[in-house]
Every structure is written in C-alpha cells, then in structure tokens.
Amino acid sequence: MQNMNKVFELAQLGRYTLSNHLVMAPMTRSRAQQDGTPGELSAEYYAQRASVGLIITEGAQPSDDGQGYLTTPGIYTDAHIQGWKKTIDAVHAKGGHIFIQLMHAGRMSHPDNTPHHRLGVAPSAIPPKTGMFTATGMQDIPTPKALTIEEIKQIIQDFKHAAKSAIQAGADGIEIHGANAYLIQQFLAPSANTRTDEYGGSIENRARFAIEVATAIAEEIGADRTGIRLSPGTNLWGIDEGKEGPELYRYLVKELNTLGLVYVHVMHQGNEELLSDIRNLWTQTLIVNRPNHPREKIGHDLKSGLADLEAYGQMVLANPDFIERLKVNAPMNEADRMTFFGGTEKGYTDYPMLSQT
C-alpha cells in the first residue's frame, strides 16, 4: 500500500481535474450496432467505471475505411454522435471524465467487416500475414491498397472530422490511436512502410503522418483536449520498427511536445531507457500502461515520477468498482477472456460490485 498515497489524490489533466491518478485503458469490446452506433449497454458499461480518473474508450473508427473488426463503434455520422452522447452523458452524471479513442485500423481490416466492403488501406501494399475474424469465421487479411498522397490528406481530414464529432457528442477529449500495429504505427514501421515519398524512408518522413494527424486535430478541438497513444517496440502482426525504432520515438515525442498535446499514453513494451527518455522529452501529462502489471505495483510509476497517470485495462474491465476495491484492499474479479469481444451483457456489464459479493 506504500505506493498508494498519490493514486487517490486529485490529478490535473489540461483543463480537467480528475478524481484520481488512474485511467481506464482503451479496450475493444465489439458490441456496437451494425452501423457503428454504440450499443444499448455502452452507457451502462462506461458509467459503471466512472470512478476512475479518466476513461479512454475503445477505439472508434473515423471513417468507413478505418474499421477493422466487426461491430466496432464509429464517430463520424450523426447517429454515432447521438449514440456516444448517451454514453458520455452517463459517465458525466457519475462525475467521470471520458476521452474517445480514434482508431484507424489501416491494413488490419477485412472487406467483409466494413460498410463499403473495400480493401483495407495502408502506407504500402504489404499484408500483415494474419487472419481476421469475420461474420463467416476467420479469413486471411488480403493485401491492402497503398494510399496515394491525396488519400492520406483525406484520412487526416477524416480524423479531424471524427475529433470534432467526438466533442459534439460531449466527450472531454480524444486519444489518437498511434499504437498496436494500426494505421499510424504502420507508417512508423519500415516493415509496413516502404514508401519513397515524403511519408516513407527517413525517421522524419515516417513520423510525418502521425504529426500531421495530431496537428490537424489539435487545431480543430484544442491541443488540451488531444492525446495520443504510442506503443514503441510493438511487434504485432508484422510490425517491426527496426534498429531506428527508439530514435524514431524520441524524434516523434519531441515534435509532438511542441504541439502542446494534453498527454502521451505509452503502452510500455519493456524498453526502460526509452520510457525514461520519453519522460524527459515530454513536458505535459505522461500516462503509462504496463500490460499485466501486478496489483501490488499500482502507483509505483507515480511514486517514482515516471508517470503522471497510470492506465489499467483488464482489472478495470472486470471490476466496475476498481477504485473502491483498491481503497479497501478487496479481492478483484477475474476477467473472462471468452467474453471480451462481442456478445451481450455477459462479461460486459454483469461483473459484480463489492456490494453484491
């Protein structure tokens, strides 16, 4: 419990005062309606967890092209805005804060999963060499379409429109998904980006798309409502950032810092030296998410000064009263992996509260 002193104190995040230093990490749940509008249980699910300082939602696609998986939510139509408004209002009614994550899947997509049934798009026509679950079962992901310069510029506008839509829905801000092998990280990785124009080759060129997306969104909704998630060293689905990877992230974080974004959210893959360098380069809020971080180490990065906020995924997913359980040192529910993606209220809104046990 010695790490817990700072955990429950108020935290400042840009214009917002959070009730504590803990964050609900974004987690795909695949329970939206077929048109991408958040499902009926979405408001209940997020409102149950509103006692964490900040909720970052599951990834919401900014366009038809941005969808990767079945029944993920969007944030680019009037129906999406109205659907998200119900969820956001429910979180705010509980005193919580919520950012919508904007996620463009890029090549991590299948035509059967998107509204227009087109090939996925990517920096280069290189498939991830993995499968994708569709309504008819697992299928190989086809080779994506390489984006033209004009199409890249349109995607930046799509991100900008989605961010504006999120604010119209009442969100406190947005998080750009630049991690986990999706479109922005595909631009960062030489294994997925073999372009020879201004978006490929050098570190500066491969970072350009991420910086332009962040710049456009910050100009649209304000830098103090714009965060970004990064996962340096992730090697999912054919992503390899190569020997220059750490230096690329040092450059990227330094450039993003000049924009004054409200936070960088690092999904940490184990390079402690790089994480320390990011801490030194980044002058705003740093959120650190360590996958499978043990409960007894909650608050450790806050205490050391490495992080300003700590993000947790499965423990918050399985424990709607995560904060209360920490405060009284109560046992945690175990997450049911079989119900992570798709389905009903089972494994979504039916995890028991302490008061029910």
Protein backbone atom coordinates (compact mmCIF):
# COMPACT_ATOMS: atom_id res chain seq x y z
CA MET A 1 0.00 0.00 0.00
CA GLN A 2 3.03 2.32 0.24
CA ASN A 3 2.69 3.24 -3.45
CA MET A 4 -0.95 4.28 -2.99
CA ASN A 5 -0.54 7.71 -1.38
CA LYS A 6 -0.65 9.64 -4.66
CA VAL A 7 -3.03 7.30 -6.50
CA PHE A 8 -6.19 8.66 -4.90
CA GLU A 9 -5.25 12.36 -4.92
CA LEU A 10 -6.81 14.76 -7.42
CA ALA A 11 -4.94 14.96 -10.74
CA GLN A 12 -4.80 17.75 -13.30
CA LEU A 13 -5.15 16.88 -16.99
CA GLY A 14 -5.16 20.01 -19.09
CA ARG A 15 -8.40 21.85 -18.34
CA TYR A 16 -9.77 18.96 -16.26
CA THR A 17 -9.38 18.00 -12.61
CA LEU A 18 -9.57 14.21 -12.30
CA SER A 19 -10.74 12.43 -9.15
CA ASN A 20 -7.61 10.24 -9.02
CA HIS A 21 -4.47 9.28 -10.96
CA LEU A 22 -5.87 6.12 -12.56
CA VAL A 23 -7.03 5.62 -16.14
CA MET A 24 -9.21 3.00 -17.81
CA ALA A 25 -7.18 1.88 -20.82
CA PRO A 26 -8.91 1.58 -24.21
CA MET A 27 -10.16 -1.95 -24.90
CA THR A 28 -12.05 -3.18 -27.96
CA ARG A 29 -15.36 -4.76 -26.92
CA SER A 30 -17.13 -5.17 -30.33
CA ARG A 31 -20.65 -4.57 -29.12
CA ALA A 32 -21.72 -1.68 -31.36
CA GLN A 33 -24.68 -1.86 -33.72
CA GLN A 34 -24.10 -2.78 -37.35
CA ASP A 35 -23.92 0.88 -38.40
CA GLY A 36 -21.24 1.62 -35.80
CA THR A 37 -23.53 3.34 -33.29
CA PRO A 38 -22.59 2.39 -29.70
CA GLY A 39 -24.78 -0.43 -28.41
CA GLU A 40 -27.53 -0.10 -25.82
CA LEU A 41 -25.30 -1.33 -22.99
CA SER A 42 -22.42 1.05 -23.74
CA ALA A 43 -23.68 3.80 -21.43
CA GLU A 44 -24.09 1.36 -18.54
CA TYR A 45 -20.67 -0.22 -19.12
CA TYR A 46 -18.72 3.02 -19.07
CA ALA A 47 -20.81 4.69 -16.35
CA GLN A 48 -20.15 1.71 -14.06
CA ARG A 49 -16.44 2.55 -14.30
CA ALA A 50 -16.72 6.33 -13.99
CA SER A 51 -14.89 6.38 -10.63
CA VAL A 52 -11.52 6.05 -12.39
CA GLY A 53 -9.93 9.43 -13.01
CA LEU A 54 -10.17 9.12 -16.79
CA ILE A 55 -11.92 6.68 -19.11
CA ILE A 56 -10.39 6.18 -22.55
CA THR A 57 -12.94 4.40 -24.70
CA GLU A 58 -12.47 1.53 -27.09
CA GLY A 59 -11.20 2.59 -30.50
CA ALA A 60 -13.82 4.30 -32.68
CA GLN A 61 -13.19 4.40 -36.41
CA PRO A 62 -13.10 7.85 -38.06
CA SER A 63 -14.45 6.59 -41.41
CA ASP A 64 -15.67 3.52 -43.30
CA ASP A 65 -12.07 2.80 -44.32
CA GLY A 66 -10.96 2.97 -40.70
CA GLN A 67 -12.97 -0.03 -39.49
CA GLY A 68 -11.01 -3.19 -38.80
CA TYR A 69 -13.13 -5.51 -36.70
CA LEU A 70 -16.79 -6.50 -36.59
CA THR A 71 -19.21 -4.25 -34.67
CA THR A 72 -16.74 -1.63 -33.50
CA PRO A 73 -18.14 1.86 -32.94
CA GLY A 74 -17.64 4.81 -35.25
CA ILE A 75 -17.60 8.54 -34.56
CA TYR A 76 -18.27 10.20 -37.89
CA THR A 77 -22.05 10.18 -38.51
CA ASP A 78 -24.96 11.90 -36.77
CA ALA A 79 -26.15 8.52 -35.47
CA HIS A 80 -22.71 7.84 -33.98
CA ILE A 81 -22.71 11.24 -32.28
CA GLN A 82 -26.14 10.67 -30.73
CA GLY A 83 -25.17 7.17 -29.61
CA TRP A 84 -21.96 8.33 -27.98
CA LYS A 85 -23.80 11.23 -26.33
CA LYS A 86 -25.85 8.79 -24.27
CA THR A 87 -22.68 7.08 -23.05
CA ILE A 88 -20.83 10.32 -22.35
CA ASP A 89 -23.78 11.85 -20.50
CA ALA A 90 -24.00 8.74 -18.33
CA VAL A 91 -20.30 9.00 -17.41
CA HIS A 92 -20.56 12.72 -16.69
CA ALA A 93 -23.61 12.10 -14.50
CA LYS A 94 -21.36 9.94 -12.31
CA GLY A 95 -18.71 12.67 -12.15
CA GLY A 96 -16.32 10.97 -14.56
CA HIS A 97 -14.21 12.17 -17.49
CA ILE A 98 -14.08 10.40 -20.85
CA PHE A 99 -11.93 10.65 -23.98
CA ILE A 100 -12.93 8.82 -27.17
CA GLN A 101 -10.07 6.96 -28.84
CA LEU A 102 -9.89 7.48 -32.62
CA MET A 103 -8.64 4.29 -34.26
CA HIS A 104 -7.97 3.77 -37.96
CA ALA A 105 -7.14 0.09 -38.43
CA GLY A 106 -5.37 0.55 -41.77
CA ARG A 107 -4.33 -2.83 -43.16
CA MET A 108 -5.69 -4.64 -40.08
CA SER A 109 -9.06 -4.96 -41.77
CA HIS A 110 -11.16 -7.23 -43.95
CA PRO A 111 -13.67 -6.14 -46.63
CA ASP A 112 -16.38 -8.26 -45.00
CA ASN A 113 -16.16 -6.15 -41.83
CA THR A 114 -16.54 -2.68 -43.35
CA PRO A 115 -19.71 -0.87 -44.52
CA HIS A 116 -18.42 -0.44 -48.09
CA HIS A 117 -16.67 -3.86 -48.34
CA ARG A 118 -13.47 -2.41 -49.75
CA LEU A 119 -9.87 -3.48 -49.19
CA GLY A 120 -8.05 -2.06 -46.23
CA VAL A 121 -5.66 0.82 -46.84
CA ALA A 122 -2.06 1.19 -45.70
CA PRO A 123 1.18 3.08 -46.36
CA SER A 124 2.27 0.28 -48.70
CA ALA A 125 0.66 -2.78 -50.30
CA ILE A 126 2.07 -5.20 -47.71
CA PRO A 127 -0.30 -7.63 -45.96
CA PRO A 128 0.07 -8.29 -42.21
CA LYS A 129 0.06 -12.06 -42.84
CA THR A 130 -2.53 -12.85 -40.23
CA GLY A 131 -6.21 -13.67 -40.02
CA MET A 132 -9.25 -11.56 -39.21
CA PHE A 133 -12.47 -12.74 -37.61
CA THR A 134 -15.49 -12.02 -39.83
CA ALA A 135 -19.17 -12.93 -39.77
CA THR A 136 -18.28 -16.13 -41.66
CA GLY A 137 -15.32 -17.02 -39.46
CA MET A 138 -11.58 -16.46 -39.68
CA GLN A 139 -10.23 -15.30 -43.02
CA ASP A 140 -6.79 -14.23 -44.20
CA ILE A 141 -6.40 -10.48 -44.39
CA PRO A 142 -5.90 -9.52 -48.05
CA THR A 143 -3.15 -7.27 -49.33
CA PRO A 144 -4.15 -3.66 -48.61
CA LYS A 145 -4.35 -0.80 -51.07
CA ALA A 146 -1.36 1.56 -50.88
CA LEU A 147 -2.55 5.08 -50.12
CA THR A 148 -1.97 7.93 -52.54
CA ILE A 149 -0.87 11.33 -51.22
CA GLU A 150 -4.39 12.64 -51.88
CA GLU A 151 -5.90 9.77 -49.90
CA ILE A 152 -3.50 10.39 -47.00
CA LYS A 153 -4.64 14.01 -46.87
CA GLN A 154 -8.27 12.83 -46.86
CA ILE A 155 -7.63 10.48 -43.92
CA ILE A 156 -6.17 13.40 -41.97
CA GLN A 157 -9.40 15.28 -42.66
CA ASP A 158 -11.37 12.19 -41.55
CA PHE A 159 -9.51 12.21 -38.22
CA LYS A 160 -10.23 15.93 -37.86
CA HIS A 161 -13.94 15.40 -38.55
CA ALA A 162 -14.09 12.49 -36.09
CA ALA A 163 -12.47 14.59 -33.36
CA LYS A 164 -14.99 17.37 -33.96
CA SER A 165 -17.79 14.77 -33.83
CA ALA A 166 -16.48 13.43 -30.51
CA ILE A 167 -16.62 16.90 -28.98
CA GLN A 168 -20.13 17.39 -30.40
CA ALA A 169 -21.09 14.18 -28.59
CA GLY A 170 -19.84 15.75 -25.35
CA ALA A 171 -16.51 13.95 -24.98
CA ASP A 172 -13.91 15.68 -22.83
CA GLY A 173 -11.31 14.97 -25.49
CA ILE A 174 -9.92 12.36 -27.85
CA GLU A 175 -6.99 9.97 -27.95
CA ILE A 176 -5.29 9.31 -31.29
CA HIS A 177 -4.52 5.59 -31.57
CA GLY A 178 -0.92 5.53 -32.75
CA ALA A 179 -0.16 2.09 -31.31
CA ASN A 180 -0.80 -1.66 -31.62
CA ALA A 181 0.00 -2.10 -35.34
CA TYR A 182 -2.81 0.09 -36.67
CA LEU A 183 -2.53 2.74 -39.39
CA ILE A 184 -0.37 5.32 -37.64
CA GLN A 185 2.12 2.72 -36.43
CA GLN A 186 2.09 1.16 -39.90
CA PHE A 187 3.51 4.45 -41.18
CA LEU A 188 6.17 4.36 -38.44
CA ALA A 189 7.40 0.83 -39.21
CA PRO A 190 9.69 0.07 -42.19
CA SER A 191 8.20 -3.43 -42.32
CA ALA A 192 4.83 -1.91 -43.30
CA ASN A 193 6.01 1.30 -44.95
CA THR A 194 8.32 1.08 -47.96
CA ARG A 195 7.26 4.39 -49.49
CA THR A 196 9.81 6.57 -51.27
CA ASP A 197 7.90 9.86 -51.00
CA GLU A 198 7.63 12.29 -48.08
CA TYR A 199 5.82 9.68 -45.95
CA GLY A 200 8.49 6.97 -46.14
CA GLY A 201 12.18 6.30 -45.71
CA SER A 202 13.70 8.58 -43.08
CA ILE A 203 12.59 8.84 -39.46
CA GLU A 204 11.22 12.30 -40.15
CA ASN A 205 9.18 11.06 -43.11
CA ARG A 206 7.76 8.02 -41.34
CA ALA A 207 6.70 10.19 -38.38
CA ARG A 208 5.10 12.78 -40.65
CA PHE A 209 1.63 11.21 -40.81
CA ALA A 210 1.31 10.94 -37.02
CA ILE A 211 2.39 14.55 -36.59
CA GLU A 212 0.03 15.82 -39.28
CA VAL A 213 -2.93 13.96 -37.76
CA ALA A 214 -2.13 15.35 -34.31
CA THR A 215 -1.67 18.86 -35.68
CA ALA A 216 -4.99 18.80 -37.55
CA ILE A 217 -6.92 17.54 -34.52
CA ALA A 218 -5.27 19.98 -32.10
CA GLU A 219 -6.17 22.85 -34.41
CA GLU A 220 -9.76 21.62 -34.59
CA ILE A 221 -10.59 20.89 -30.93
CA GLY A 222 -7.62 22.25 -28.97
CA ALA A 223 -4.33 20.66 -28.00
CA ASP A 224 -5.51 20.46 -24.38
CA ARG A 225 -8.22 18.00 -25.47
CA THR A 226 -5.95 15.91 -27.71
CA GLY A 227 -3.89 12.94 -26.51
CA ILE A 228 -2.05 10.18 -28.37
CA ARG A 229 -1.26 6.56 -27.59
CA LEU A 230 2.05 5.01 -28.66
CA SER A 231 3.50 1.51 -28.23
CA PRO A 232 7.23 1.68 -29.01
CA GLY A 233 8.64 -1.73 -29.85
CA THR A 234 5.33 -3.44 -30.55
CA ASN A 235 5.86 -6.32 -32.98
CA LEU A 236 2.25 -7.35 -33.52
CA TRP A 237 1.08 -8.55 -36.94
CA GLY A 238 4.25 -7.95 -38.90
CA ILE A 239 5.17 -4.59 -37.36
CA ASP A 240 8.93 -4.13 -36.99
CA GLU A 241 10.28 -0.64 -36.33
CA GLY A 242 13.86 -1.78 -36.78
CA LYS A 243 17.03 -0.59 -35.06
CA GLU A 244 15.97 3.03 -35.55
CA GLY A 245 12.76 2.46 -33.58
CA PRO A 246 13.84 4.07 -30.30
CA GLU A 247 15.30 7.07 -32.10
CA LEU A 248 12.11 7.43 -34.14
CA TYR A 249 10.07 7.69 -30.95
CA ARG A 250 12.46 10.20 -29.42
CA TYR A 251 12.02 12.34 -32.53
CA LEU A 252 8.24 11.84 -32.64
CA VAL A 253 7.67 12.66 -28.96
CA LYS A 254 9.87 15.75 -29.21
CA GLU A 255 7.87 17.00 -32.21
CA LEU A 256 4.50 16.20 -30.61
CA ASN A 257 5.61 18.04 -27.48
CA THR A 258 5.85 21.27 -29.45
CA LEU A 259 2.12 20.95 -30.25
CA GLY A 260 1.24 21.01 -26.55
CA LEU A 261 -0.94 17.89 -26.65
CA VAL A 262 -2.53 17.15 -23.30
CA TYR A 263 -0.90 13.72 -22.94
CA VAL A 264 1.13 10.91 -24.38
CA HIS A 265 -0.09 7.46 -23.39
CA VAL A 266 2.64 4.83 -23.64
CA MET A 267 1.78 1.16 -23.86
CA HIS A 268 5.10 0.01 -22.46
CA GLN A 269 6.87 -2.92 -24.10
CA GLY A 270 9.89 -3.11 -21.80
CA ASN A 271 12.48 -0.59 -23.03
CA GLU A 272 13.00 1.28 -19.75
CA GLU A 273 15.69 3.56 -21.17
CA LEU A 274 13.37 4.75 -23.93
CA LEU A 275 10.48 5.25 -21.48
CA SER A 276 12.77 7.36 -19.30
CA ASP A 277 13.81 9.41 -22.33
CA ILE A 278 10.15 9.95 -23.27
CA ARG A 279 9.52 11.17 -19.73
CA ASN A 280 12.33 13.70 -20.11
CA LEU A 281 11.26 14.83 -23.58
CA TRP A 282 7.56 15.16 -22.76
CA THR A 283 6.55 18.21 -20.70
CA GLN A 284 2.80 17.50 -20.41
CA THR A 285 0.98 14.58 -18.78
CA LEU A 286 2.51 11.14 -19.35
CA ILE A 287 0.23 8.11 -18.98
CA VAL A 288 1.98 4.75 -18.62
CA ASN A 289 0.25 1.44 -19.27
CA ARG A 290 2.25 -1.68 -18.40
CA PRO A 291 0.38 -4.76 -19.69
CA ASN A 292 -0.12 -7.41 -16.97
CA HIS A 293 1.22 -5.02 -14.32
CA PRO A 294 0.63 -6.71 -10.94
CA ARG A 295 -1.78 -5.15 -8.48
CA GLU A 296 0.90 -4.71 -5.83
CA LYS A 297 2.81 -2.36 -8.14
CA ILE A 298 -0.08 0.02 -8.78
CA GLY A 299 1.20 3.51 -8.01
CA HIS A 300 4.86 2.60 -8.46
CA ASP A 301 5.38 4.74 -11.57
CA LEU A 302 3.53 7.63 -9.94
CA LYS A 303 5.72 7.44 -6.87
CA SER A 304 8.94 7.36 -8.91
CA GLY A 305 7.80 10.30 -11.04
CA LEU A 306 7.99 8.29 -14.25
CA ALA A 307 4.24 8.63 -14.87
CA ASP A 308 1.65 11.30 -14.10
CA LEU A 309 -1.22 8.84 -14.56
CA GLU A 310 -1.29 5.03 -14.70
CA ALA A 311 -3.60 3.13 -17.05
CA TYR A 312 -5.09 -0.30 -16.42
CA GLY A 313 -7.15 -2.49 -18.72
CA GLN A 314 -8.41 -5.90 -17.67
CA MET A 315 -8.59 -5.08 -13.96
CA VAL A 316 -10.94 -2.18 -14.72
CA LEU A 317 -12.87 -4.24 -17.29
CA ALA A 318 -13.59 -6.92 -14.67
CA ASN A 319 -14.08 -4.57 -11.71
CA PRO A 320 -16.51 -1.70 -12.25
CA ASP A 321 -15.68 -0.55 -8.71
CA PHE A 322 -11.93 -0.85 -9.29
CA ILE A 323 -11.17 2.29 -7.24
CA GLU A 324 -13.21 1.16 -4.23
CA ARG A 325 -11.59 -2.27 -4.25
CA LEU A 326 -8.15 -0.67 -4.25
CA LYS A 327 -9.06 1.64 -1.38
CA VAL A 328 -10.25 -1.18 0.89
CA ASN A 329 -7.75 -3.75 -0.43
CA ALA A 330 -10.57 -6.06 -1.54
CA PRO A 331 -10.14 -9.02 -3.92
CA MET A 332 -10.57 -8.36 -7.63
CA ASN A 333 -12.88 -10.17 -10.04
CA GLU A 334 -11.05 -12.17 -12.70
CA ALA A 335 -11.58 -11.06 -16.30
CA ASP A 336 -13.42 -13.56 -18.51
CA ARG A 337 -11.44 -13.61 -21.76
CA MET A 338 -14.15 -15.58 -23.56
CA THR A 339 -16.48 -12.56 -23.38
CA PHE A 340 -14.01 -9.81 -24.32
CA PHE A 341 -15.27 -9.36 -27.89
CA GLY A 342 -18.91 -9.26 -28.92
CA GLY A 343 -21.92 -10.74 -27.19
CA THR A 344 -24.39 -9.49 -24.62
CA GLU A 345 -24.22 -8.12 -21.09
CA LYS A 346 -22.32 -11.24 -20.01
CA GLY A 347 -18.74 -10.26 -19.34
CA TYR A 348 -19.64 -6.65 -20.13
CA THR A 349 -21.99 -5.06 -17.61
CA ASP A 350 -22.59 -8.01 -15.25
CA TYR A 351 -19.31 -8.12 -13.30
CA PRO A 352 -20.34 -7.95 -9.61
CA MET A 353 -19.69 -4.95 -7.39
CA LEU A 354 -18.31 -5.41 -3.88
CA SER A 355 -21.77 -4.63 -2.55
CA GLN A 356 -23.08 -7.65 -4.45
CA THR A 357 -20.46 -10.04 -3.08
